[in-house]
Each structure stands twice: as structure tokens, then as C-alpha cells.
Amino acid sequence: MSERYDCTECQESLYGQKYVLKEEQPHCITCYEALYSNSCEVCKKLISCTSKDLSYKSRHWHSDCFLCSKCTRSLVDRPFATKADLLMCTDCYCHEYSAKCYACLKTIMPGTKKMEHKGNSWHENCFICNHCQQTIGTKSFVKKDNNNYCMSCYERLFALQCVHCKKPITTGGISYHDQPWHKECFVCTGCKLQLAGRRFTSRDDFAYCLECFCNLFAKKCISCSKPISGLGGSKYISFEERQWHNNCFNCKKCGASLVGRGFLTSKEDIYCPDCGKDL
């Protein structure tokens, strides 16, 4: 009598029957599918051992159920993507979720170069200067009236011209006497020090730093020979075409301040009334 060869689970004879080995243990088809076959994500039926089991992230499908959730095309042997556990072909996924080009409104396909600026996206070939129509790429550009311009076109079309050097002002410009200047062009007429952010004054429409203005145009103190600027509310004493700083207007002999007091003069010197008695 021949040796029996039975299903490990139901003990039915497997002679003349299809069976499956699982860890070297024979199983009839019915028992194997009940114990080990996966259920299809779509139709919820078992995927028989004679059918192709397609799996992705612990989920399983029949070949006929492995379809795009949008267009229902088969995804067998096709690239696909998922969104919220839904399968989609790459065309449908891109149409639904990929960025749209701000210029041509078409989908920017995954893997293609995309240009982005302030929440908008462009195809590389659509990201162009509105004037010269050349691609901008990674070069500097300026957005004006919802259009993009390369720097050379923007400067030629829109940028203010510096009144000094006649070149376009793109950054760091200032206005003086209603005229535009580069910050580095707006300098003291005397020492050429940049005046942006500094106190300055002007004479005959020429700008000067305070030091140069005082040295060139201010009256000199009779006592210390230094300029009297009179700027910023500083006070000085003037007498017979002579001027003194307030703190220099002192008696020649005793050094007492003569501001607001009577005084006597002798040649270039001034004296308080007490010291003047001896003259």
C-alpha cells in the first residue's frame, strides 16, 4: 500500500489534486487560500494562489483591480503615485496635484526643472523676461506690474538715472532736491565723503559735510580761530564784525564769561568791567 500524502490542514488526500507547499507542508488549494491568501483592496475578494497578487505598502490587488482611481486605466507595469491612499497614474496625479505653470497654465511634470518665486511656479522655458523674451533662469530679475524683467531690461525701461553718473539706480538710491542719486555718488563736494545718513548742508546747490562747510565758509572765532558753524542752533557772539563762540567770549585777563554782561574792548581783546578799570 502506497504512503498517504494529505493536506496538512484538512487531511484530505492530495493525490491527483493541485496543492501548495508552505514551509514544506502541503496544503490543498482551499485551505491554503483560506489561511494565507490576501484580500483585494478593491473587490475585497481573496486573491487566489493561481492569480497574480500585486502589492504596495502591505496592500494587495488583483491584476484586474489594480487601476487608476481617476481614469481607471490599468496600472500593471506602469508608473503610478498615491494620494490619500488612492492609486493614480502619473498623468492623473500631475493633473490633479502637480504645480501649474504661471505663464502657460500647463502642468509642470515631476522630474522637470521648475522655477519658483513667491508661491508661483514656471516651466524653465516659460520663465522669461517680459521685454526681451530671454529665459531668466537663475539670474537676477525684477517683478513689475505682475511681469518679470531681467535686470538689463528693467534698468533700461524703468530705473531712475543717477543725476551724477547718469547710470541706472537699482539699489541704494537717495533723493536730494527732488533728484535721484546713487548713495555712493552723493558725496561732499569738498572731501568726497559719502553723505547718506550724515548731517550735511549746501551752498550754491553743492552739498558739503559740516566739517568742510565750516572750514570753507564759516566765520572764524576771534579767540580760538576755529569755525563758527551756527548750525543746529549753536550760539555765538557778534560785535563789530568780529565773532566768538559763546564759550570763547571771556575776559582776556580774568577769564570770566562775558555772555550777557557788559564788557570793554582794547584792540582785539575784551575785558570785564572790573579788569577794564586798569586799562
C-alpha atoms as a PDB file:
ATOM      1  CA  MET A   1       0.000   0.000   0.000  1.00  0.00           C
ATOM      2  CA  SER A   2       1.433   3.445  -1.011  1.00  0.00           C
ATOM      3  CA  GLU A   3       2.193   6.166   1.555  1.00  0.00           C
ATOM      4  CA  ARG A   4      -0.544   8.755   2.112  1.00  0.00           C
ATOM      5  CA  TYR A   5       0.038  12.371   1.034  1.00  0.00           C
ATOM      6  CA  ASP A   6      -2.604  14.575   2.682  1.00  0.00           C
ATOM      7  CA  CYS A   7      -3.321  18.302   3.217  1.00  0.00           C
ATOM      8  CA  THR A   8      -1.721  19.483   6.450  1.00  0.00           C
ATOM      9  CA  GLU A   9      -4.946  21.255   7.491  1.00  0.00           C
ATOM     10  CA  CYS A  10      -7.959  19.239   6.328  1.00  0.00           C
ATOM     11  CA  GLN A  11      -6.191  15.881   5.963  1.00  0.00           C
ATOM     12  CA  GLU A  12      -7.797  15.312   2.560  1.00  0.00           C
ATOM     13  CA  SER A  13      -5.715  13.331   0.154  1.00  0.00           C
ATOM     14  CA  LEU A  14      -3.716  15.384  -2.322  1.00  0.00           C
ATOM     15  CA  TYR A  15      -3.203  12.580  -4.846  1.00  0.00           C
ATOM     16  CA  GLY A  16      -4.312  13.850  -8.223  1.00  0.00           C
ATOM     17  CA  GLN A  17      -5.011  17.341  -6.745  1.00  0.00           C
ATOM     18  CA  LYS A  18      -3.289  20.692  -7.017  1.00  0.00           C
ATOM     19  CA  TYR A  19      -1.573  21.737  -3.814  1.00  0.00           C
ATOM     20  CA  VAL A  20       0.812  24.343  -2.421  1.00  0.00           C
ATOM     21  CA  LEU A  21       3.814  23.844  -0.161  1.00  0.00           C
ATOM     22  CA  LYS A  22       4.036  26.287   2.720  1.00  0.00           C
ATOM     23  CA  GLU A  23       7.178  25.870   4.802  1.00  0.00           C
ATOM     24  CA  GLU A  24       7.497  22.376   3.242  1.00  0.00           C
ATOM     25  CA  GLN A  25       3.993  21.492   4.439  1.00  0.00           C
ATOM     26  CA  PRO A  26       1.489  20.564   1.692  1.00  0.00           C
ATOM     27  CA  HIS A  27      -1.847  22.378   1.601  1.00  0.00           C
ATOM     28  CA  CYS A  28      -4.815  21.894  -0.658  1.00  0.00           C
ATOM     29  CA  ILE A  29      -5.793  24.985  -2.626  1.00  0.00           C
ATOM     30  CA  THR A  30      -8.885  25.646  -0.498  1.00  0.00           C
ATOM     31  CA  CYS A  31      -7.010  25.504   2.802  1.00  0.00           C
ATOM     32  CA  TYR A  32      -4.038  27.483   1.532  1.00  0.00           C
ATOM     33  CA  GLU A  33      -6.202  30.335   0.251  1.00  0.00           C
ATOM     34  CA  ALA A  34      -8.267  30.411   3.445  1.00  0.00           C
ATOM     35  CA  LEU A  35      -5.113  30.590   5.571  1.00  0.00           C
ATOM     36  CA  TYR A  36      -2.640  32.632   3.553  1.00  0.00           C
ATOM     37  CA  SER A  37      -4.172  34.433   0.569  1.00  0.00           C
ATOM     38  CA  ASN A  38      -4.634  38.218   0.750  1.00  0.00           C
ATOM     39  CA  SER A  39      -7.845  40.118   0.152  1.00  0.00           C
ATOM     40  CA  CYS A  40      -8.009  42.577  -2.735  1.00  0.00           C
ATOM     41  CA  GLU A  41      -8.205  46.273  -1.701  1.00  0.00           C
ATOM     42  CA  VAL A  42     -10.865  46.963  -4.336  1.00  0.00           C
ATOM     43  CA  CYS A  43     -13.208  43.980  -4.579  1.00  0.00           C
ATOM     44  CA  LYS A  44     -12.419  42.559  -1.102  1.00  0.00           C
ATOM     45  CA  LYS A  45     -12.264  39.039  -2.539  1.00  0.00           C
ATOM     46  CA  LEU A  46      -9.427  36.619  -1.915  1.00  0.00           C
ATOM     47  CA  ILE A  47      -6.587  36.695  -4.389  1.00  0.00           C
ATOM     48  CA  SER A  48      -6.230  33.045  -5.324  1.00  0.00           C
ATOM     49  CA  CYS A  49      -2.867  31.370  -5.459  1.00  0.00           C
ATOM     50  CA  THR A  50      -3.347  30.932  -9.183  1.00  0.00           C
ATOM     51  CA  SER A  51      -3.815  34.712  -9.679  1.00  0.00           C
ATOM     52  CA  LYS A  52      -1.208  37.460  -9.689  1.00  0.00           C
ATOM     53  CA  ASP A  53      -1.032  39.264  -6.341  1.00  0.00           C
ATOM     54  CA  LEU A  54       0.071  42.909  -6.783  1.00  0.00           C
ATOM     55  CA  SER A  55       1.166  44.547  -3.527  1.00  0.00           C
ATOM     56  CA  TYR A  56       2.172  48.050  -2.427  1.00  0.00           C
ATOM     57  CA  LYS A  57       2.832  49.070   1.182  1.00  0.00           C
ATOM     58  CA  SER A  58       1.124  45.985   2.685  1.00  0.00           C
ATOM     59  CA  ARG A  59      -1.916  46.408   0.430  1.00  0.00           C
ATOM     60  CA  HIS A  60      -2.902  43.900  -2.251  1.00  0.00           C
ATOM     61  CA  TRP A  61      -4.833  43.908  -5.523  1.00  0.00           C
ATOM     62  CA  HIS A  62      -5.946  41.547  -8.268  1.00  0.00           C
ATOM     63  CA  SER A  63      -4.330  42.447 -11.572  1.00  0.00           C
ATOM     64  CA  ASP A  64      -7.739  43.445 -12.942  1.00  0.00           C
ATOM     65  CA  CYS A  65      -8.406  45.662  -9.899  1.00  0.00           C
ATOM     66  CA  PHE A  66      -5.079  47.495  -9.959  1.00  0.00           C
ATOM     67  CA  LEU A  67      -6.464  50.605 -11.700  1.00  0.00           C
ATOM     68  CA  CYS A  68      -6.067  54.400 -11.615  1.00  0.00           C
ATOM     69  CA  SER A  69      -8.767  55.791  -9.325  1.00  0.00           C
ATOM     70  CA  LYS A  70      -9.353  58.691 -11.744  1.00  0.00           C
ATOM     71  CA  CYS A  71      -9.194  57.360 -15.308  1.00  0.00           C
ATOM     72  CA  THR A  72      -9.466  53.610 -14.452  1.00  0.00           C
ATOM     73  CA  ARG A  73      -6.551  52.681 -16.682  1.00  0.00           C
ATOM     74  CA  SER A  74      -4.628  49.594 -15.618  1.00  0.00           C
ATOM     75  CA  LEU A  75      -1.526  50.370 -13.580  1.00  0.00           C
ATOM     76  CA  VAL A  76       0.086  46.978 -14.172  1.00  0.00           C
ATOM     77  CA  ASP A  77       3.651  47.627 -15.358  1.00  0.00           C
ATOM     78  CA  ARG A  78       3.024  51.401 -15.308  1.00  0.00           C
ATOM     79  CA  PRO A  79       4.456  54.080 -13.013  1.00  0.00           C
ATOM     80  CA  PHE A  80       1.895  55.335 -10.503  1.00  0.00           C
ATOM     81  CA  ALA A  81       1.515  57.593  -7.461  1.00  0.00           C
ATOM     82  CA  THR A  82      -0.752  57.684  -4.427  1.00  0.00           C
ATOM     83  CA  LYS A  83      -2.715  60.449  -2.732  1.00  0.00           C
ATOM     84  CA  ALA A  84      -4.822  59.803   0.374  1.00  0.00           C
ATOM     85  CA  ASP A  85      -4.399  56.044  -0.249  1.00  0.00           C
ATOM     86  CA  LEU A  86      -5.787  56.365  -3.780  1.00  0.00           C
ATOM     87  CA  LEU A  87      -3.819  54.959  -6.706  1.00  0.00           C
ATOM     88  CA  MET A  88      -3.334  57.237  -9.714  1.00  0.00           C
ATOM     89  CA  CYS A  89      -1.444  57.055 -12.960  1.00  0.00           C
ATOM     90  CA  THR A  90       1.213  59.732 -13.261  1.00  0.00           C
ATOM     91  CA  ASP A  91      -0.857  61.703 -15.787  1.00  0.00           C
ATOM     92  CA  CYS A  92      -3.848  61.979 -13.464  1.00  0.00           C
ATOM     93  CA  TYR A  93      -1.690  62.654 -10.431  1.00  0.00           C
ATOM     94  CA  CYS A  94       0.116  65.501 -12.195  1.00  0.00           C
ATOM     95  CA  HIS A  95      -3.136  66.949 -13.496  1.00  0.00           C
ATOM     96  CA  GLU A  96      -4.655  66.929 -10.007  1.00  0.00           C
ATOM     97  CA  TYR A  97      -1.729  67.799  -7.748  1.00  0.00           C
ATOM     98  CA  SER A  98       1.380  68.978  -9.597  1.00  0.00           C
ATOM     99  CA  ALA A  99       2.149  72.698  -9.837  1.00  0.00           C
ATOM    100  CA  LYS A 100       0.778  74.598 -12.817  1.00  0.00           C
ATOM    101  CA  CYS A 101       2.995  76.958 -14.791  1.00  0.00           C
ATOM    102  CA  TYR A 102       2.101  80.596 -14.045  1.00  0.00           C
ATOM    103  CA  ALA A 103       2.725  81.515 -17.690  1.00  0.00           C
ATOM    104  CA  CYS A 104       1.241  78.711 -19.813  1.00  0.00           C
ATOM    105  CA  LEU A 105      -1.046  77.196 -17.112  1.00  0.00           C
ATOM    106  CA  LYS A 106       0.079  73.686 -18.047  1.00  0.00           C
ATOM    107  CA  THR A 107       1.203  71.076 -15.541  1.00  0.00           C
ATOM    108  CA  ILE A 108       4.850  71.066 -14.537  1.00  0.00           C
ATOM    109  CA  MET A 109       5.664  67.362 -14.724  1.00  0.00           C
ATOM    110  CA  PRO A 110       7.625  65.740 -11.881  1.00  0.00           C
ATOM    111  CA  GLY A 111      11.305  65.479 -12.728  1.00  0.00           C
ATOM    112  CA  THR A 112      11.304  68.563 -14.963  1.00  0.00           C
ATOM    113  CA  LYS A 113      13.083  71.756 -13.911  1.00  0.00           C
ATOM    114  CA  LYS A 114      10.787  74.184 -12.128  1.00  0.00           C
ATOM    115  CA  MET A 115      11.386  77.870 -11.359  1.00  0.00           C
ATOM    116  CA  GLU A 116       9.659  79.286  -8.265  1.00  0.00           C
ATOM    117  CA  HIS A 117       9.175  82.803  -6.894  1.00  0.00           C
ATOM    118  CA  LYS A 118       6.827  83.979  -4.138  1.00  0.00           C
ATOM    119  CA  GLY A 119       4.492  80.995  -4.383  1.00  0.00           C
ATOM    120  CA  ASN A 120       4.323  80.861  -8.200  1.00  0.00           C
ATOM    121  CA  SER A 121       5.931  78.261 -10.459  1.00  0.00           C
ATOM    122  CA  TRP A 122       7.096  78.278 -14.069  1.00  0.00           C
ATOM    123  CA  HIS A 123       8.491  75.842 -16.606  1.00  0.00           C
ATOM    124  CA  GLU A 124      12.133  76.747 -17.129  1.00  0.00           C
ATOM    125  CA  ASN A 125      11.396  77.844 -20.715  1.00  0.00           C
ATOM    126  CA  CYS A 126       8.355  79.875 -19.614  1.00  0.00           C
ATOM    127  CA  PHE A 127      10.277  81.893 -17.027  1.00  0.00           C
ATOM    128  CA  ILE A 128      11.315  84.698 -19.377  1.00  0.00           C
ATOM    129  CA  CYS A 129      11.820  88.457 -19.403  1.00  0.00           C
ATOM    130  CA  ASN A 130       8.620  90.220 -20.429  1.00  0.00           C
ATOM    131  CA  HIS A 131      10.569  92.587 -22.700  1.00  0.00           C
ATOM    132  CA  CYS A 132      13.427  90.694 -24.393  1.00  0.00           C
ATOM    133  CA  GLN A 133      11.760  87.261 -24.067  1.00  0.00           C
ATOM    134  CA  GLN A 134      15.028  85.637 -22.993  1.00  0.00           C
ATOM    135  CA  THR A 135      14.925  82.947 -20.289  1.00  0.00           C
ATOM    136  CA  ILE A 136      15.821  84.332 -16.871  1.00  0.00           C
ATOM    137  CA  GLY A 137      16.915  81.073 -15.235  1.00  0.00           C
ATOM    138  CA  THR A 138      18.786  81.757 -12.005  1.00  0.00           C
ATOM    139  CA  LYS A 139      19.822  85.303 -12.976  1.00  0.00           C
ATOM    140  CA  SER A 140      18.648  88.377 -11.076  1.00  0.00           C
ATOM    141  CA  PHE A 141      15.327  89.851 -12.138  1.00  0.00           C
ATOM    142  CA  VAL A 142      12.741  92.419 -11.034  1.00  0.00           C
ATOM    143  CA  LYS A 143       8.969  91.967 -10.888  1.00  0.00           C
ATOM    144  CA  LYS A 144       6.951  94.987 -12.025  1.00  0.00           C
ATOM    145  CA  ASP A 145       3.200  95.162 -12.679  1.00  0.00           C
ATOM    146  CA  ASN A 146       2.991  91.373 -12.394  1.00  0.00           C
ATOM    147  CA  ASN A 147       5.623  90.885 -15.102  1.00  0.00           C
ATOM    148  CA  ASN A 148       9.213  89.669 -14.776  1.00  0.00           C
ATOM    149  CA  TYR A 149      12.118  91.635 -16.266  1.00  0.00           C
ATOM    150  CA  CYS A 150      15.792  90.749 -16.495  1.00  0.00           C
ATOM    151  CA  MET A 151      17.997  93.359 -14.838  1.00  0.00           C
ATOM    152  CA  SER A 152      19.296  94.885 -18.069  1.00  0.00           C
ATOM    153  CA  CYS A 153      15.779  95.396 -19.485  1.00  0.00           C
ATOM    154  CA  TYR A 154      14.425  96.706 -16.190  1.00  0.00           C
ATOM    155  CA  GLU A 155      17.239  99.235 -15.876  1.00  0.00           C
ATOM    156  CA  ARG A 156      16.790 100.368 -19.451  1.00  0.00           C
ATOM    157  CA  LEU A 157      12.993 100.657 -19.215  1.00  0.00           C
ATOM    158  CA  PHE A 158      12.183 101.717 -15.672  1.00  0.00           C
ATOM    159  CA  ALA A 159      15.136 102.501 -13.404  1.00  0.00           C
ATOM    160  CA  LEU A 160      15.860 106.103 -12.412  1.00  0.00           C
ATOM    161  CA  GLN A 161      19.118 107.571 -13.695  1.00  0.00           C
ATOM    162  CA  CYS A 162      21.576 108.966 -11.168  1.00  0.00           C
ATOM    163  CA  VAL A 163      21.903 112.731 -11.715  1.00  0.00           C
ATOM    164  CA  HIS A 164      25.666 112.468 -11.124  1.00  0.00           C
ATOM    165  CA  CYS A 165      26.874 109.399 -13.067  1.00  0.00           C
ATOM    166  CA  LYS A 166      23.833 109.009 -15.374  1.00  0.00           C
ATOM    167  CA  LYS A 167      23.702 105.244 -14.658  1.00  0.00           C
ATOM    168  CA  PRO A 168      20.548 103.364 -13.546  1.00  0.00           C
ATOM    169  CA  ILE A 169      19.778 103.209  -9.829  1.00  0.00           C
ATOM    170  CA  THR A 170      18.764  99.673  -8.852  1.00  0.00           C
ATOM    171  CA  THR A 171      19.600  99.701  -5.128  1.00  0.00           C
ATOM    172  CA  GLY A 172      20.700 102.226  -2.537  1.00  0.00           C
ATOM    173  CA  GLY A 173      19.258 105.304  -4.199  1.00  0.00           C
ATOM    174  CA  ILE A 174      18.534 108.583  -2.396  1.00  0.00           C
ATOM    175  CA  SER A 175      16.731 111.767  -3.390  1.00  0.00           C
ATOM    176  CA  TYR A 176      18.149 115.278  -2.942  1.00  0.00           C
ATOM    177  CA  HIS A 177      16.463 118.382  -4.331  1.00  0.00           C
ATOM    178  CA  ASP A 178      13.951 116.016  -5.996  1.00  0.00           C
ATOM    179  CA  GLN A 179      16.747 114.390  -7.991  1.00  0.00           C
ATOM    180  CA  PRO A 180      17.852 110.738  -7.764  1.00  0.00           C
ATOM    181  CA  TRP A 181      21.393 109.786  -6.719  1.00  0.00           C
ATOM    182  CA  HIS A 182      23.284 106.597  -6.079  1.00  0.00           C
ATOM    183  CA  LYS A 183      24.207 106.520  -2.408  1.00  0.00           C
ATOM    184  CA  GLU A 184      27.869 106.242  -3.363  1.00  0.00           C
ATOM    185  CA  CYS A 185      27.584 109.213  -5.759  1.00  0.00           C
ATOM    186  CA  PHE A 186      26.083 111.593  -3.204  1.00  0.00           C
ATOM    187  CA  VAL A 187      29.308 112.854  -1.618  1.00  0.00           C
ATOM    188  CA  CYS A 188      30.685 116.015  -0.062  1.00  0.00           C
ATOM    189  CA  THR A 189      31.882 118.493  -2.685  1.00  0.00           C
ATOM    190  CA  GLY A 190      34.968 119.139  -0.570  1.00  0.00           C
ATOM    191  CA  CYS A 191      36.273 115.869   0.923  1.00  0.00           C
ATOM    192  CA  LYS A 192      34.201 113.367  -1.153  1.00  0.00           C
ATOM    193  CA  LEU A 193      32.864 111.651   1.978  1.00  0.00           C
ATOM    194  CA  GLN A 194      29.539 109.860   1.380  1.00  0.00           C
ATOM    195  CA  LEU A 195      26.741 111.982   2.842  1.00  0.00           C
ATOM    196  CA  ALA A 196      23.967 109.370   3.058  1.00  0.00           C
ATOM    197  CA  GLY A 197      22.973 109.022   6.703  1.00  0.00           C
ATOM    198  CA  ARG A 198      25.071 112.048   7.746  1.00  0.00           C
ATOM    199  CA  ARG A 199      24.245 115.651   8.547  1.00  0.00           C
ATOM    200  CA  PHE A 200      25.162 117.979   5.708  1.00  0.00           C
ATOM    201  CA  THR A 201      24.312 121.364   4.277  1.00  0.00           C
ATOM    202  CA  SER A 202      24.590 123.038   0.902  1.00  0.00           C
ATOM    203  CA  ARG A 203      25.858 126.189  -0.726  1.00  0.00           C
ATOM    204  CA  ASP A 204      25.046 127.202  -4.309  1.00  0.00           C
ATOM    205  CA  ASP A 205      23.331 123.785  -4.734  1.00  0.00           C
ATOM    206  CA  PHE A 206      26.542 121.929  -3.812  1.00  0.00           C
ATOM    207  CA  ALA A 207      26.371 119.577  -0.824  1.00  0.00           C
ATOM    208  CA  TYR A 208      29.025 119.703   1.912  1.00  0.00           C
ATOM    209  CA  CYS A 209      29.626 117.751   5.095  1.00  0.00           C
ATOM    210  CA  LEU A 210      29.505 120.038   8.137  1.00  0.00           C
ATOM    211  CA  GLU A 211      33.259 119.981   8.642  1.00  0.00           C
ATOM    212  CA  CYS A 212      34.050 121.054   5.077  1.00  0.00           C
ATOM    213  CA  PHE A 213      31.290 123.662   5.078  1.00  0.00           C
ATOM    214  CA  CYS A 214      32.592 125.232   8.275  1.00  0.00           C
ATOM    215  CA  ASN A 215      36.199 125.187   7.096  1.00  0.00           C
ATOM    216  CA  LEU A 216      35.323 126.708   3.757  1.00  0.00           C
ATOM    217  CA  PHE A 217      32.555 129.194   4.515  1.00  0.00           C
ATOM    218  CA  ALA A 218      32.001 129.718   8.253  1.00  0.00           C
ATOM    219  CA  LYS A 219      33.279 132.764  10.103  1.00  0.00           C
ATOM    220  CA  LYS A 220      36.217 132.197  12.478  1.00  0.00           C
ATOM    221  CA  CYS A 221      36.169 132.776  16.198  1.00  0.00           C
ATOM    222  CA  ILE A 222      38.440 135.725  17.166  1.00  0.00           C
ATOM    223  CA  SER A 223      39.582 133.829  20.265  1.00  0.00           C
ATOM    224  CA  CYS A 224      40.266 130.231  19.104  1.00  0.00           C
ATOM    225  CA  SER A 225      40.360 130.793  15.303  1.00  0.00           C
ATOM    226  CA  LYS A 226      38.066 127.791  14.770  1.00  0.00           C
ATOM    227  CA  PRO A 227      34.985 127.996  12.501  1.00  0.00           C
ATOM    228  CA  ILE A 228      31.654 129.135  13.916  1.00  0.00           C
ATOM    229  CA  SER A 229      29.074 126.999  12.148  1.00  0.00           C
ATOM    230  CA  GLY A 230      25.896 128.473  13.558  1.00  0.00           C
ATOM    231  CA  LEU A 231      24.252 125.158  12.542  1.00  0.00           C
ATOM    232  CA  GLY A 232      21.995 123.102  14.753  1.00  0.00           C
ATOM    233  CA  GLY A 233      21.067 126.105  16.909  1.00  0.00           C
ATOM    234  CA  SER A 234      24.613 126.679  18.203  1.00  0.00           C
ATOM    235  CA  LYS A 235      25.033 130.212  19.627  1.00  0.00           C
ATOM    236  CA  TYR A 236      27.765 132.759  19.078  1.00  0.00           C
ATOM    237  CA  ILE A 237      28.522 136.401  19.855  1.00  0.00           C
ATOM    238  CA  SER A 238      28.997 139.019  17.141  1.00  0.00           C
ATOM    239  CA  PHE A 239      30.437 142.509  17.768  1.00  0.00           C
ATOM    240  CA  GLU A 240      31.800 144.978  15.218  1.00  0.00           C
ATOM    241  CA  GLU A 241      32.261 142.325  12.521  1.00  0.00           C
ATOM    242  CA  ARG A 242      34.016 140.042  14.975  1.00  0.00           C
ATOM    243  CA  GLN A 243      32.613 136.744  16.214  1.00  0.00           C
ATOM    244  CA  TRP A 244      33.191 134.489  19.210  1.00  0.00           C
ATOM    245  CA  HIS A 245      31.931 131.090  20.261  1.00  0.00           C
ATOM    246  CA  ASN A 246      29.800 131.523  23.361  1.00  0.00           C
ATOM    247  CA  ASN A 247      32.352 129.636  25.471  1.00  0.00           C
ATOM    248  CA  CYS A 248      35.191 131.718  23.997  1.00  0.00           C
ATOM    249  CA  PHE A 249      33.623 135.082  24.845  1.00  0.00           C
ATOM    250  CA  ASN A 250      35.649 135.575  28.037  1.00  0.00           C
ATOM    251  CA  CYS A 251      37.608 138.370  29.755  1.00  0.00           C
ATOM    252  CA  LYS A 252      41.179 138.411  28.470  1.00  0.00           C
ATOM    253  CA  LYS A 253      42.573 138.977  31.970  1.00  0.00           C
ATOM    254  CA  CYS A 254      40.455 137.003  34.479  1.00  0.00           C
ATOM    255  CA  GLY A 255      38.811 134.548  32.073  1.00  0.00           C
ATOM    256  CA  ALA A 256      35.252 135.210  33.294  1.00  0.00           C
ATOM    257  CA  SER A 257      32.460 134.664  30.767  1.00  0.00           C
ATOM    258  CA  LEU A 258      31.114 137.887  29.343  1.00  0.00           C
ATOM    259  CA  VAL A 259      27.982 136.375  27.785  1.00  0.00           C
ATOM    260  CA  GLY A 260      25.077 138.596  28.791  1.00  0.00           C
ATOM    261  CA  ARG A 261      27.351 141.078  30.572  1.00  0.00           C
ATOM    262  CA  GLY A 262      28.827 144.430  29.780  1.00  0.00           C
ATOM    263  CA  PHE A 263      32.436 144.455  28.535  1.00  0.00           C
ATOM    264  CA  LEU A 264      35.229 146.714  27.349  1.00  0.00           C
ATOM    265  CA  THR A 265      37.467 146.295  24.314  1.00  0.00           C
ATOM    266  CA  SER A 266      41.098 147.054  23.776  1.00  0.00           C
ATOM    267  CA  LYS A 267      42.287 146.361  20.251  1.00  0.00           C
ATOM    268  CA  GLU A 268      41.383 142.685  19.637  1.00  0.00           C
ATOM    269  CA  ASP A 269      40.834 141.822  23.317  1.00  0.00           C
ATOM    270  CA  ILE A 270      37.759 142.085  25.543  1.00  0.00           C
ATOM    271  CA  TYR A 271      37.638 142.679  29.320  1.00  0.00           C
ATOM    272  CA  CYS A 272      35.082 142.554  32.062  1.00  0.00           C
ATOM    273  CA  PRO A 273      34.301 145.973  33.637  1.00  0.00           C
ATOM    274  CA  ASP A 274      36.448 145.211  36.713  1.00  0.00           C
ATOM    275  CA  CYS A 275      39.557 144.264  34.743  1.00  0.00           C
ATOM    276  CA  GLY A 276      38.894 147.077  32.275  1.00  0.00           C
ATOM    277  CA  LYS A 277      39.378 149.696  35.032  1.00  0.00           C
ATOM    278  CA  ASP A 278      43.124 149.144  34.925  1.00  0.00           C
ATOM    279  CA  LEU A 279      43.349 149.856  31.185  1.00  0.00           C
END
